[in-house]
């Protein structure tokens, strides 16, 4: 075993407040003390005079979700109590990821609010000769391509926005009850009221329900707790879910994803046990970017999603 400080240079990251930095979907990652999403809480614009943390380093949370450790392949800004580790010896990517897991495994040492700021370098980790052979034999899936569909940068604040009733944009249908005892396993997703897994809780046999239940595709759903998802595949849904069927002719996955994000802004209205009902949603409004005619600018919405990093994977 060796100490962390023998294999890595340990430095305190750039100490910035995420809320005070201008956001930019094409900017650099902002890494905070979270155990989710590789530590990334958003993307921000570069700040003149403030150098980001270097790429290909390990970010380690000294507080918060303490010892959450991730390989950062881009240069990045960071929040408080965030350290970055630069290898002092030659390591490949798989070996660095192995050491990330070794660091995370020490989180138990810092329970009850104890931080890792003073003792991070003293933690014992396996020497390079002790790394199991399987580490370099594991096949990792390729990272999604960061490339956007279009290179043009789109700015939301340059557009005029108007309010529109949801009922004027969509026909709204309620899902149908599907009794659990009647379900047989299949390949068609079942959507119900949940904030996880895009609303999918099961996979049903299409043949069992094709004559009695509606099967949808390329639709947005909103459940009773106002969890909003877009589905570009065939699906069934139960009676805890409403399906939005567009009234406008121009519709595709990019526009649907834009609208999904906008619709999610209404979720706070249905917090504290207030559930969505058809009688309520017909009076709800959302704000959309408009063209010179005052109508929704569908082309702008489509291009905005296409301009985002990773949109080529959609």
C-alpha atoms as a PDB file:
ATOM      1  CA  UNK A   1       0.000   0.000   0.000  1.00  0.00           C
ATOM      2  CA  UNK A   2       1.060   3.584  -0.610  1.00  0.00           C
ATOM      3  CA  UNK A   3      -0.294   6.939   0.512  1.00  0.00           C
ATOM      4  CA  UNK A   4      -2.324   9.084  -1.895  1.00  0.00           C
ATOM      5  CA  UNK A   5       0.289  11.856  -1.725  1.00  0.00           C
ATOM      6  CA  UNK A   6       2.944   9.461  -3.070  1.00  0.00           C
ATOM      7  CA  UNK A   7       1.074   8.905  -6.319  1.00  0.00           C
ATOM      8  CA  UNK A   8      -0.806  12.187  -6.729  1.00  0.00           C
ATOM      9  CA  UNK A   9      -0.184  15.898  -6.343  1.00  0.00           C
ATOM     10  CA  UNK A  10      -3.109  17.262  -4.328  1.00  0.00           C
ATOM     11  CA  UNK A  11      -4.332  20.809  -4.914  1.00  0.00           C
ATOM     12  CA  UNK A  12      -7.366  22.792  -3.819  1.00  0.00           C
ATOM     13  CA  UNK A  13      -9.573  23.542  -6.793  1.00  0.00           C
ATOM     14  CA  UNK A  14     -10.896  26.857  -8.015  1.00  0.00           C
ATOM     15  CA  UNK A  15     -13.266  27.998  -5.271  1.00  0.00           C
ATOM     16  CA  UNK A  16     -16.262  29.491  -7.110  1.00  0.00           C
ATOM     17  CA  UNK A  17     -20.007  29.809  -6.552  1.00  0.00           C
ATOM     18  CA  UNK A  18     -21.977  28.082  -9.307  1.00  0.00           C
ATOM     19  CA  UNK A  19     -24.938  30.422  -8.807  1.00  0.00           C
ATOM     20  CA  UNK A  20     -22.764  33.465  -9.533  1.00  0.00           C
ATOM     21  CA  UNK A  21     -21.352  32.263 -12.866  1.00  0.00           C
ATOM     22  CA  UNK A  22     -23.002  32.754 -16.259  1.00  0.00           C
ATOM     23  CA  UNK A  23     -24.307  29.427 -17.531  1.00  0.00           C
ATOM     24  CA  UNK A  24     -23.477  28.146 -21.005  1.00  0.00           C
ATOM     25  CA  UNK A  25     -24.600  24.737 -22.341  1.00  0.00           C
ATOM     26  CA  UNK A  26     -21.469  24.733 -24.489  1.00  0.00           C
ATOM     27  CA  UNK A  27     -19.193  25.952 -21.729  1.00  0.00           C
ATOM     28  CA  UNK A  28     -16.895  24.035 -19.408  1.00  0.00           C
ATOM     29  CA  UNK A  29     -18.082  21.694 -16.628  1.00  0.00           C
ATOM     30  CA  UNK A  30     -18.611  22.997 -13.107  1.00  0.00           C
ATOM     31  CA  UNK A  31     -17.817  20.253 -10.603  1.00  0.00           C
ATOM     32  CA  UNK A  32     -19.246  20.370  -7.081  1.00  0.00           C
ATOM     33  CA  UNK A  33     -19.435  18.148  -3.986  1.00  0.00           C
ATOM     34  CA  UNK A  34     -22.030  15.772  -5.374  1.00  0.00           C
ATOM     35  CA  UNK A  35     -21.958  12.036  -5.987  1.00  0.00           C
ATOM     36  CA  UNK A  36     -24.066  12.274  -9.139  1.00  0.00           C
ATOM     37  CA  UNK A  37     -23.338  13.010 -12.813  1.00  0.00           C
ATOM     38  CA  UNK A  38     -19.553  12.676 -12.436  1.00  0.00           C
ATOM     39  CA  UNK A  39     -19.724  15.594 -10.017  1.00  0.00           C
ATOM     40  CA  UNK A  40     -20.893  17.982 -12.755  1.00  0.00           C
ATOM     41  CA  UNK A  41     -23.777  20.288 -11.812  1.00  0.00           C
ATOM     42  CA  UNK A  42     -23.780  22.344 -15.007  1.00  0.00           C
ATOM     43  CA  UNK A  43     -21.715  24.101 -17.650  1.00  0.00           C
ATOM     44  CA  UNK A  44     -20.520  27.674 -17.405  1.00  0.00           C
ATOM     45  CA  UNK A  45     -18.655  30.288 -19.385  1.00  0.00           C
ATOM     46  CA  UNK A  46     -14.934  30.815 -18.939  1.00  0.00           C
ATOM     47  CA  UNK A  47     -14.099  33.687 -16.610  1.00  0.00           C
ATOM     48  CA  UNK A  48     -11.336  36.014 -17.678  1.00  0.00           C
ATOM     49  CA  UNK A  49      -8.380  35.806 -15.319  1.00  0.00           C
ATOM     50  CA  UNK A  50      -9.484  32.584 -13.601  1.00  0.00           C
ATOM     51  CA  UNK A  51      -7.820  29.427 -14.858  1.00  0.00           C
ATOM     52  CA  UNK A  52      -9.853  26.199 -14.648  1.00  0.00           C
ATOM     53  CA  UNK A  53      -8.617  23.048 -13.000  1.00  0.00           C
ATOM     54  CA  UNK A  54      -6.607  20.922 -15.455  1.00  0.00           C
ATOM     55  CA  UNK A  55      -8.119  18.094 -17.484  1.00  0.00           C
ATOM     56  CA  UNK A  56      -7.361  14.416 -16.843  1.00  0.00           C
ATOM     57  CA  UNK A  57      -7.300  14.902 -13.093  1.00  0.00           C
ATOM     58  CA  UNK A  58      -9.365  13.306 -10.326  1.00  0.00           C
ATOM     59  CA  UNK A  59     -11.848  15.582  -8.584  1.00  0.00           C
ATOM     60  CA  UNK A  60     -12.382  14.679  -4.925  1.00  0.00           C
ATOM     61  CA  UNK A  61     -15.097  16.130  -2.700  1.00  0.00           C
ATOM     62  CA  UNK A  62     -13.569  17.152   0.628  1.00  0.00           C
ATOM     63  CA  UNK A  63     -17.031  17.799   2.090  1.00  0.00           C
ATOM     64  CA  UNK A  64     -20.664  17.325   1.094  1.00  0.00           C
ATOM     65  CA  UNK A  65     -20.785  13.907  -0.600  1.00  0.00           C
ATOM     66  CA  UNK A  66     -17.340  13.452   0.852  1.00  0.00           C
ATOM     67  CA  UNK A  67     -14.781  11.396  -1.110  1.00  0.00           C
ATOM     68  CA  UNK A  68     -16.909  11.356  -4.266  1.00  0.00           C
ATOM     69  CA  UNK A  69     -14.087  10.984  -6.777  1.00  0.00           C
ATOM     70  CA  UNK A  70     -14.274  11.262 -10.553  1.00  0.00           C
ATOM     71  CA  UNK A  71     -11.958  11.416 -13.539  1.00  0.00           C
ATOM     72  CA  UNK A  72     -12.488  14.771 -15.253  1.00  0.00           C
ATOM     73  CA  UNK A  73     -11.470  14.524 -18.898  1.00  0.00           C
ATOM     74  CA  UNK A  74     -12.037  18.235 -19.590  1.00  0.00           C
ATOM     75  CA  UNK A  75     -10.662  21.260 -17.785  1.00  0.00           C
ATOM     76  CA  UNK A  76     -13.271  22.514 -15.312  1.00  0.00           C
ATOM     77  CA  UNK A  77     -14.235  24.958 -12.595  1.00  0.00           C
ATOM     78  CA  UNK A  78     -15.115  23.757  -9.119  1.00  0.00           C
ATOM     79  CA  UNK A  79     -16.862  24.840  -5.936  1.00  0.00           C
ATOM     80  CA  UNK A  80     -15.751  24.885  -2.322  1.00  0.00           C
ATOM     81  CA  UNK A  81     -14.003  21.959  -0.636  1.00  0.00           C
ATOM     82  CA  UNK A  82     -13.163  20.358  -3.974  1.00  0.00           C
ATOM     83  CA  UNK A  83      -9.654  19.011  -4.538  1.00  0.00           C
ATOM     84  CA  UNK A  84      -8.033  17.772  -7.712  1.00  0.00           C
ATOM     85  CA  UNK A  85      -5.409  15.050  -7.935  1.00  0.00           C
ATOM     86  CA  UNK A  86      -2.788  14.989 -10.681  1.00  0.00           C
ATOM     87  CA  UNK A  87      -0.948  11.675 -11.163  1.00  0.00           C
ATOM     88  CA  UNK A  88       2.755  11.776 -10.333  1.00  0.00           C
ATOM     89  CA  UNK A  89       3.321   8.445 -12.066  1.00  0.00           C
ATOM     90  CA  UNK A  90       2.225   7.150 -15.460  1.00  0.00           C
ATOM     91  CA  UNK A  91      -1.330   5.785 -15.274  1.00  0.00           C
ATOM     92  CA  UNK A  92      -3.762   4.852 -18.006  1.00  0.00           C
ATOM     93  CA  UNK A  93      -7.439   5.775 -17.870  1.00  0.00           C
ATOM     94  CA  UNK A  94      -8.576   2.448 -16.441  1.00  0.00           C
ATOM     95  CA  UNK A  95      -6.014   2.654 -13.660  1.00  0.00           C
ATOM     96  CA  UNK A  96      -7.102   6.202 -12.811  1.00  0.00           C
ATOM     97  CA  UNK A  97     -10.725   5.037 -12.638  1.00  0.00           C
ATOM     98  CA  UNK A  98      -9.618   2.217 -10.335  1.00  0.00           C
ATOM     99  CA  UNK A  99      -8.036   4.758  -7.992  1.00  0.00           C
ATOM    100  CA  UNK A 100     -11.257   6.807  -8.100  1.00  0.00           C
ATOM    101  CA  UNK A 101     -13.068   3.784  -6.677  1.00  0.00           C
ATOM    102  CA  UNK A 102     -10.338   3.273  -4.066  1.00  0.00           C
ATOM    103  CA  UNK A 103     -10.792   6.862  -2.918  1.00  0.00           C
ATOM    104  CA  UNK A 104     -14.597   6.521  -2.783  1.00  0.00           C
ATOM    105  CA  UNK A 105     -14.205   3.385  -0.674  1.00  0.00           C
ATOM    106  CA  UNK A 106     -12.748   5.577   2.083  1.00  0.00           C
ATOM    107  CA  UNK A 107     -15.896   7.676   2.460  1.00  0.00           C
ATOM    108  CA  UNK A 108     -16.825   5.783   5.643  1.00  0.00           C
ATOM    109  CA  UNK A 109     -13.925   7.489   7.415  1.00  0.00           C
ATOM    110  CA  UNK A 110     -15.625  10.863   7.070  1.00  0.00           C
ATOM    111  CA  UNK A 111     -19.111  10.331   8.453  1.00  0.00           C
ATOM    112  CA  UNK A 112     -20.872  12.678  10.872  1.00  0.00           C
ATOM    113  CA  UNK A 113     -19.661  15.793   9.069  1.00  0.00           C
ATOM    114  CA  UNK A 114     -15.951  15.025   9.211  1.00  0.00           C
ATOM    115  CA  UNK A 115     -14.184  16.419   6.150  1.00  0.00           C
ATOM    116  CA  UNK A 116     -11.245  15.046   4.167  1.00  0.00           C
ATOM    117  CA  UNK A 117      -9.377  18.313   3.786  1.00  0.00           C
ATOM    118  CA  UNK A 118      -6.512  17.501   6.153  1.00  0.00           C
ATOM    119  CA  UNK A 119      -6.093  13.766   5.752  1.00  0.00           C
ATOM    120  CA  UNK A 120      -6.704  13.136   2.046  1.00  0.00           C
ATOM    121  CA  UNK A 121      -3.015  12.700   1.289  1.00  0.00           C
ATOM    122  CA  UNK A 122      -2.551  10.189   4.117  1.00  0.00           C
ATOM    123  CA  UNK A 123      -5.147   7.689   2.848  1.00  0.00           C
ATOM    124  CA  UNK A 124      -3.694   4.316   1.874  1.00  0.00           C
ATOM    125  CA  UNK A 125      -4.317   3.013  -1.642  1.00  0.00           C
ATOM    126  CA  UNK A 126      -2.957  -0.036  -3.506  1.00  0.00           C
ATOM    127  CA  UNK A 127       0.463   0.333  -5.098  1.00  0.00           C
ATOM    128  CA  UNK A 128       0.445   0.120  -8.878  1.00  0.00           C
ATOM    129  CA  UNK A 129       1.850  -3.419  -8.676  1.00  0.00           C
ATOM    130  CA  UNK A 130      -1.194  -4.383  -6.580  1.00  0.00           C
ATOM    131  CA  UNK A 131      -3.794  -3.276  -9.126  1.00  0.00           C
ATOM    132  CA  UNK A 132      -5.765  -6.410 -10.108  1.00  0.00           C
ATOM    133  CA  UNK A 133      -5.202  -7.651 -13.661  1.00  0.00           C
ATOM    134  CA  UNK A 134      -8.917  -7.445 -14.447  1.00  0.00           C
ATOM    135  CA  UNK A 135      -8.810  -3.635 -14.189  1.00  0.00           C
ATOM    136  CA  UNK A 136      -7.027  -3.371 -17.535  1.00  0.00           C
ATOM    137  CA  UNK A 137      -9.149  -6.124 -19.072  1.00  0.00           C
ATOM    138  CA  UNK A 138     -12.511  -4.428 -18.501  1.00  0.00           C
ATOM    139  CA  UNK A 139     -14.201  -3.145 -21.658  1.00  0.00           C
ATOM    140  CA  UNK A 140     -15.831   0.247 -21.058  1.00  0.00           C
ATOM    141  CA  UNK A 141     -18.554   1.560 -23.365  1.00  0.00           C
ATOM    142  CA  UNK A 142     -17.531   4.496 -25.491  1.00  0.00           C
ATOM    143  CA  UNK A 143     -18.365   7.963 -24.215  1.00  0.00           C
ATOM    144  CA  UNK A 144     -21.225   9.615 -26.119  1.00  0.00           C
ATOM    145  CA  UNK A 145     -19.989  12.030 -28.721  1.00  0.00           C
ATOM    146  CA  UNK A 146     -20.121  15.608 -27.463  1.00  0.00           C
ATOM    147  CA  UNK A 147     -20.674  16.984 -30.958  1.00  0.00           C
ATOM    148  CA  UNK A 148     -23.887  19.009 -31.510  1.00  0.00           C
ATOM    149  CA  UNK A 149     -26.059  18.527 -34.599  1.00  0.00           C
ATOM    150  CA  UNK A 150     -25.490  22.138 -35.656  1.00  0.00           C
ATOM    151  CA  UNK A 151     -22.580  24.425 -34.810  1.00  0.00           C
ATOM    152  CA  UNK A 152     -24.581  27.648 -34.495  1.00  0.00           C
ATOM    153  CA  UNK A 153     -24.867  28.887 -30.917  1.00  0.00           C
ATOM    154  CA  UNK A 154     -28.433  29.737 -29.918  1.00  0.00           C
ATOM    155  CA  UNK A 155     -29.329  32.208 -27.150  1.00  0.00           C
ATOM    156  CA  UNK A 156     -32.691  31.940 -25.385  1.00  0.00           C
ATOM    157  CA  UNK A 157     -32.581  35.507 -24.108  1.00  0.00           C
ATOM    158  CA  UNK A 158     -32.521  36.969 -27.624  1.00  0.00           C
ATOM    159  CA  UNK A 159     -36.047  35.708 -28.366  1.00  0.00           C
ATOM    160  CA  UNK A 160     -39.439  37.127 -27.458  1.00  0.00           C
ATOM    161  CA  UNK A 161     -41.547  34.779 -25.340  1.00  0.00           C
ATOM    162  CA  UNK A 162     -45.350  34.587 -25.113  1.00  0.00           C
ATOM    163  CA  UNK A 163     -47.736  32.590 -22.934  1.00  0.00           C
ATOM    164  CA  UNK A 164     -49.752  29.713 -24.421  1.00  0.00           C
ATOM    165  CA  UNK A 165     -52.400  27.460 -22.885  1.00  0.00           C
ATOM    166  CA  UNK A 166     -51.343  23.814 -22.883  1.00  0.00           C
ATOM    167  CA  UNK A 167     -54.809  22.888 -24.134  1.00  0.00           C
ATOM    168  CA  UNK A 168     -54.219  25.040 -27.241  1.00  0.00           C
ATOM    169  CA  UNK A 169     -51.014  23.178 -28.049  1.00  0.00           C
ATOM    170  CA  UNK A 170     -52.066  19.626 -27.211  1.00  0.00           C
ATOM    171  CA  UNK A 171     -54.981  17.268 -27.022  1.00  0.00           C
ATOM    172  CA  UNK A 172     -54.701  15.625 -23.612  1.00  0.00           C
ATOM    173  CA  UNK A 173     -55.585  11.984 -23.041  1.00  0.00           C
ATOM    174  CA  UNK A 174     -55.585  10.040 -19.805  1.00  0.00           C
ATOM    175  CA  UNK A 175     -53.891   6.655 -19.598  1.00  0.00           C
ATOM    176  CA  UNK A 176     -55.828   3.468 -18.900  1.00  0.00           C
ATOM    177  CA  UNK A 177     -55.743   1.223 -15.868  1.00  0.00           C
ATOM    178  CA  UNK A 178     -53.631  -1.885 -16.427  1.00  0.00           C
ATOM    179  CA  UNK A 179     -54.124  -4.373 -13.605  1.00  0.00           C
ATOM    180  CA  UNK A 180     -50.844  -5.854 -12.406  1.00  0.00           C
ATOM    181  CA  UNK A 181     -52.254  -9.387 -12.340  1.00  0.00           C
ATOM    182  CA  UNK A 182     -52.979  -9.157 -16.080  1.00  0.00           C
ATOM    183  CA  UNK A 183     -49.470  -8.114 -17.048  1.00  0.00           C
ATOM    184  CA  UNK A 184     -47.182 -10.490 -18.899  1.00  0.00           C
ATOM    185  CA  UNK A 185     -43.578  -9.629 -19.602  1.00  0.00           C
ATOM    186  CA  UNK A 186     -42.827  -8.271 -23.057  1.00  0.00           C
ATOM    187  CA  UNK A 187     -40.957  -5.538 -24.901  1.00  0.00           C
ATOM    188  CA  UNK A 188     -43.317  -2.535 -24.664  1.00  0.00           C
ATOM    189  CA  UNK A 189     -42.515  -0.077 -21.828  1.00  0.00           C
ATOM    190  CA  UNK A 190     -45.218   0.723 -19.297  1.00  0.00           C
ATOM    191  CA  UNK A 191     -45.221   4.345 -18.091  1.00  0.00           C
ATOM    192  CA  UNK A 192     -46.570   5.231 -14.660  1.00  0.00           C
ATOM    193  CA  UNK A 193     -46.155   7.888 -11.963  1.00  0.00           C
ATOM    194  CA  UNK A 194     -42.470   7.989 -11.039  1.00  0.00           C
ATOM    195  CA  UNK A 195     -39.611  10.462 -11.345  1.00  0.00           C
ATOM    196  CA  UNK A 196     -37.143   7.735 -12.296  1.00  0.00           C
ATOM    197  CA  UNK A 197     -36.163   5.853 -15.460  1.00  0.00           C
ATOM    198  CA  UNK A 198     -38.146   8.139 -17.784  1.00  0.00           C
ATOM    199  CA  UNK A 199     -41.329   6.884 -16.127  1.00  0.00           C
ATOM    200  CA  UNK A 200     -40.773   3.256 -17.179  1.00  0.00           C
ATOM    201  CA  UNK A 201     -41.614   0.657 -14.502  1.00  0.00           C
ATOM    202  CA  UNK A 202     -42.221  -2.495 -16.517  1.00  0.00           C
ATOM    203  CA  UNK A 203     -42.239  -4.056 -19.995  1.00  0.00           C
ATOM    204  CA  UNK A 204     -45.454  -5.614 -21.249  1.00  0.00           C
ATOM    205  CA  UNK A 205     -46.491  -7.986 -23.970  1.00  0.00           C
ATOM    206  CA  UNK A 206     -47.910  -6.046 -26.926  1.00  0.00           C
ATOM    207  CA  UNK A 207     -50.171  -8.933 -27.981  1.00  0.00           C
ATOM    208  CA  UNK A 208     -51.886  -8.996 -24.586  1.00  0.00           C
ATOM    209  CA  UNK A 209     -53.102  -5.391 -24.820  1.00  0.00           C
ATOM    210  CA  UNK A 210     -53.104  -4.400 -28.512  1.00  0.00           C
ATOM    211  CA  UNK A 211     -56.866  -4.868 -28.771  1.00  0.00           C
ATOM    212  CA  UNK A 212     -57.835  -3.220 -25.479  1.00  0.00           C
ATOM    213  CA  UNK A 213     -55.255  -0.506 -24.685  1.00  0.00           C
ATOM    214  CA  UNK A 214     -53.805   2.352 -26.705  1.00  0.00           C
ATOM    215  CA  UNK A 215     -50.140   2.125 -27.626  1.00  0.00           C
ATOM    216  CA  UNK A 216     -48.449   5.513 -28.116  1.00  0.00           C
ATOM    217  CA  UNK A 217     -45.198   6.679 -29.698  1.00  0.00           C
ATOM    218  CA  UNK A 218     -43.317   9.990 -29.976  1.00  0.00           C
ATOM    219  CA  UNK A 219     -45.364  11.591 -27.215  1.00  0.00           C
ATOM    220  CA  UNK A 220     -44.801  13.616 -24.040  1.00  0.00           C
ATOM    221  CA  UNK A 221     -46.295  12.253 -20.831  1.00  0.00           C
ATOM    222  CA  UNK A 222     -47.104  13.999 -17.544  1.00  0.00           C
ATOM    223  CA  UNK A 223     -47.903  11.919 -14.495  1.00  0.00           C
ATOM    224  CA  UNK A 224     -49.990  12.813 -11.441  1.00  0.00           C
ATOM    225  CA  UNK A 225     -46.948  14.394  -9.724  1.00  0.00           C
ATOM    226  CA  UNK A 226     -46.057  16.371 -12.858  1.00  0.00           C
ATOM    227  CA  UNK A 227     -43.031  14.310 -13.822  1.00  0.00           C
ATOM    228  CA  UNK A 228     -42.622  15.078 -17.520  1.00  0.00           C
ATOM    229  CA  UNK A 229     -40.919  12.793 -20.056  1.00  0.00           C
ATOM    230  CA  UNK A 230     -40.646  12.408 -23.809  1.00  0.00           C
ATOM    231  CA  UNK A 231     -40.830   8.923 -25.335  1.00  0.00           C
ATOM    232  CA  UNK A 232     -39.597   8.274 -28.876  1.00  0.00           C
ATOM    233  CA  UNK A 233     -40.652   4.615 -28.691  1.00  0.00           C
ATOM    234  CA  UNK A 234     -43.878   2.628 -28.427  1.00  0.00           C
ATOM    235  CA  UNK A 235     -45.329   2.578 -24.925  1.00  0.00           C
ATOM    236  CA  UNK A 236     -48.400   1.848 -22.813  1.00  0.00           C
ATOM    237  CA  UNK A 237     -49.311   4.010 -19.836  1.00  0.00           C
ATOM    238  CA  UNK A 238     -51.600   3.563 -16.861  1.00  0.00           C
ATOM    239  CA  UNK A 239     -54.252   5.887 -15.470  1.00  0.00           C
ATOM    240  CA  UNK A 240     -51.758   7.903 -13.402  1.00  0.00           C
ATOM    241  CA  UNK A 241     -50.402   9.434 -16.605  1.00  0.00           C
ATOM    242  CA  UNK A 242     -51.623  11.984 -19.139  1.00  0.00           C
ATOM    243  CA  UNK A 243     -50.487  11.869 -22.765  1.00  0.00           C
ATOM    244  CA  UNK A 244     -49.962  15.086 -24.737  1.00  0.00           C
ATOM    245  CA  UNK A 245     -50.849  14.764 -28.427  1.00  0.00           C
ATOM    246  CA  UNK A 246     -49.637  17.756 -30.403  1.00  0.00           C
ATOM    247  CA  UNK A 247     -52.088  19.916 -32.348  1.00  0.00           C
ATOM    248  CA  UNK A 248     -49.299  21.587 -34.320  1.00  0.00           C
ATOM    249  CA  UNK A 249     -48.080  19.995 -37.556  1.00  0.00           C
ATOM    250  CA  UNK A 250     -44.364  20.615 -37.080  1.00  0.00           C
ATOM    251  CA  UNK A 251     -43.228  18.172 -34.442  1.00  0.00           C
ATOM    252  CA  UNK A 252     -40.145  16.033 -33.918  1.00  0.00           C
ATOM    253  CA  UNK A 253     -37.979  14.757 -31.075  1.00  0.00           C
ATOM    254  CA  UNK A 254     -36.019  18.023 -30.791  1.00  0.00           C
ATOM    255  CA  UNK A 255     -39.143  20.155 -30.392  1.00  0.00           C
ATOM    256  CA  UNK A 256     -40.636  17.597 -28.001  1.00  0.00           C
ATOM    257  CA  UNK A 257     -37.519  17.672 -25.820  1.00  0.00           C
ATOM    258  CA  UNK A 258     -37.606  21.490 -25.737  1.00  0.00           C
ATOM    259  CA  UNK A 259     -41.268  21.414 -24.683  1.00  0.00           C
ATOM    260  CA  UNK A 260     -40.543  18.744 -22.071  1.00  0.00           C
ATOM    261  CA  UNK A 261     -38.040  21.049 -20.385  1.00  0.00           C
ATOM    262  CA  UNK A 262     -40.494  23.967 -20.454  1.00  0.00           C
ATOM    263  CA  UNK A 263     -43.338  21.867 -19.070  1.00  0.00           C
ATOM    264  CA  UNK A 264     -41.174  20.697 -16.167  1.00  0.00           C
ATOM    265  CA  UNK A 265     -41.101  24.301 -14.941  1.00  0.00           C
ATOM    266  CA  UNK A 266     -44.718  23.822 -13.816  1.00  0.00           C
ATOM    267  CA  UNK A 267     -43.841  21.005 -11.423  1.00  0.00           C
ATOM    268  CA  UNK A 268     -43.567  23.314  -8.396  1.00  0.00           C
ATOM    269  CA  UNK A 269     -47.223  24.169  -8.861  1.00  0.00           C
ATOM    270  CA  UNK A 270     -48.091  20.547  -8.085  1.00  0.00           C
ATOM    271  CA  UNK A 271     -45.919  20.038  -5.031  1.00  0.00           C
ATOM    272  CA  UNK A 272     -47.051  19.439  -1.444  1.00  0.00           C
ATOM    273  CA  UNK A 273     -49.485  16.684  -2.406  1.00  0.00           C
ATOM    274  CA  UNK A 274     -51.403  18.655  -5.045  1.00  0.00           C
ATOM    275  CA  UNK A 275     -51.891  16.159  -7.854  1.00  0.00           C
ATOM    276  CA  UNK A 276     -52.412  16.762 -11.537  1.00  0.00           C
ATOM    277  CA  UNK A 277     -55.952  16.462 -12.819  1.00  0.00           C
ATOM    278  CA  UNK A 278     -57.247  17.011 -16.324  1.00  0.00           C
ATOM    279  CA  UNK A 279     -59.466  19.796 -15.016  1.00  0.00           C
ATOM    280  CA  UNK A 280     -56.383  21.617 -13.738  1.00  0.00           C
ATOM    281  CA  UNK A 281     -53.979  21.186 -16.627  1.00  0.00           C
ATOM    282  CA  UNK A 282     -56.398  22.747 -19.143  1.00  0.00           C
ATOM    283  CA  UNK A 283     -55.929  26.084 -17.361  1.00  0.00           C
ATOM    284  CA  UNK A 284     -52.119  25.850 -17.215  1.00  0.00           C
ATOM    285  CA  UNK A 285     -49.949  27.987 -19.455  1.00  0.00           C
ATOM    286  CA  UNK A 286     -46.336  27.755 -20.610  1.00  0.00           C
ATOM    287  CA  UNK A 287     -44.095  30.423 -22.085  1.00  0.00           C
ATOM    288  CA  UNK A 288     -42.576  29.732 -25.506  1.00  0.00           C
ATOM    289  CA  UNK A 289     -40.259  31.613 -27.900  1.00  0.00           C
ATOM    290  CA  UNK A 290     -42.207  33.219 -30.725  1.00  0.00           C
ATOM    291  CA  UNK A 291     -41.593  34.520 -34.213  1.00  0.00           C
ATOM    292  CA  UNK A 292     -42.581  37.872 -35.688  1.00  0.00           C
ATOM    293  CA  UNK A 293     -46.166  36.649 -36.078  1.00  0.00           C
ATOM    294  CA  UNK A 294     -46.453  35.950 -32.355  1.00  0.00           C
ATOM    295  CA  UNK A 295     -46.828  32.224 -32.926  1.00  0.00           C
ATOM    296  CA  UNK A 296     -44.490  29.568 -31.431  1.00  0.00           C
ATOM    297  CA  UNK A 297     -41.155  29.522 -33.234  1.00  0.00           C
ATOM    298  CA  UNK A 298     -40.844  25.776 -33.727  1.00  0.00           C
ATOM    299  CA  UNK A 299     -37.742  26.101 -35.892  1.00  0.00           C
ATOM    300  CA  UNK A 300     -35.909  27.992 -33.149  1.00  0.00           C
ATOM    301  CA  UNK A 301     -36.863  25.358 -30.553  1.00  0.00           C
ATOM    302  CA  UNK A 302     -35.614  22.578 -32.809  1.00  0.00           C
ATOM    303  CA  UNK A 303     -32.357  24.362 -33.600  1.00  0.00           C
ATOM    304  CA  UNK A 304     -31.738  25.219 -29.940  1.00  0.00           C
ATOM    305  CA  UNK A 305     -31.792  21.547 -28.925  1.00  0.00           C
ATOM    306  CA  UNK A 306     -29.667  20.672 -31.952  1.00  0.00           C
ATOM    307  CA  UNK A 307     -27.088  23.265 -30.878  1.00  0.00           C
ATOM    308  CA  UNK A 308     -26.507  21.658 -27.471  1.00  0.00           C
ATOM    309  CA  UNK A 309     -23.509  19.483 -26.733  1.00  0.00           C
ATOM    310  CA  UNK A 310     -24.231  15.755 -27.182  1.00  0.00           C
ATOM    311  CA  UNK A 311     -27.321  16.434 -29.326  1.00  0.00           C
ATOM    312  CA  UNK A 312     -25.816  14.271 -32.085  1.00  0.00           C
ATOM    313  CA  UNK A 313     -26.554  11.278 -29.839  1.00  0.00           C
ATOM    314  CA  UNK A 314     -30.299  11.890 -29.741  1.00  0.00           C
END
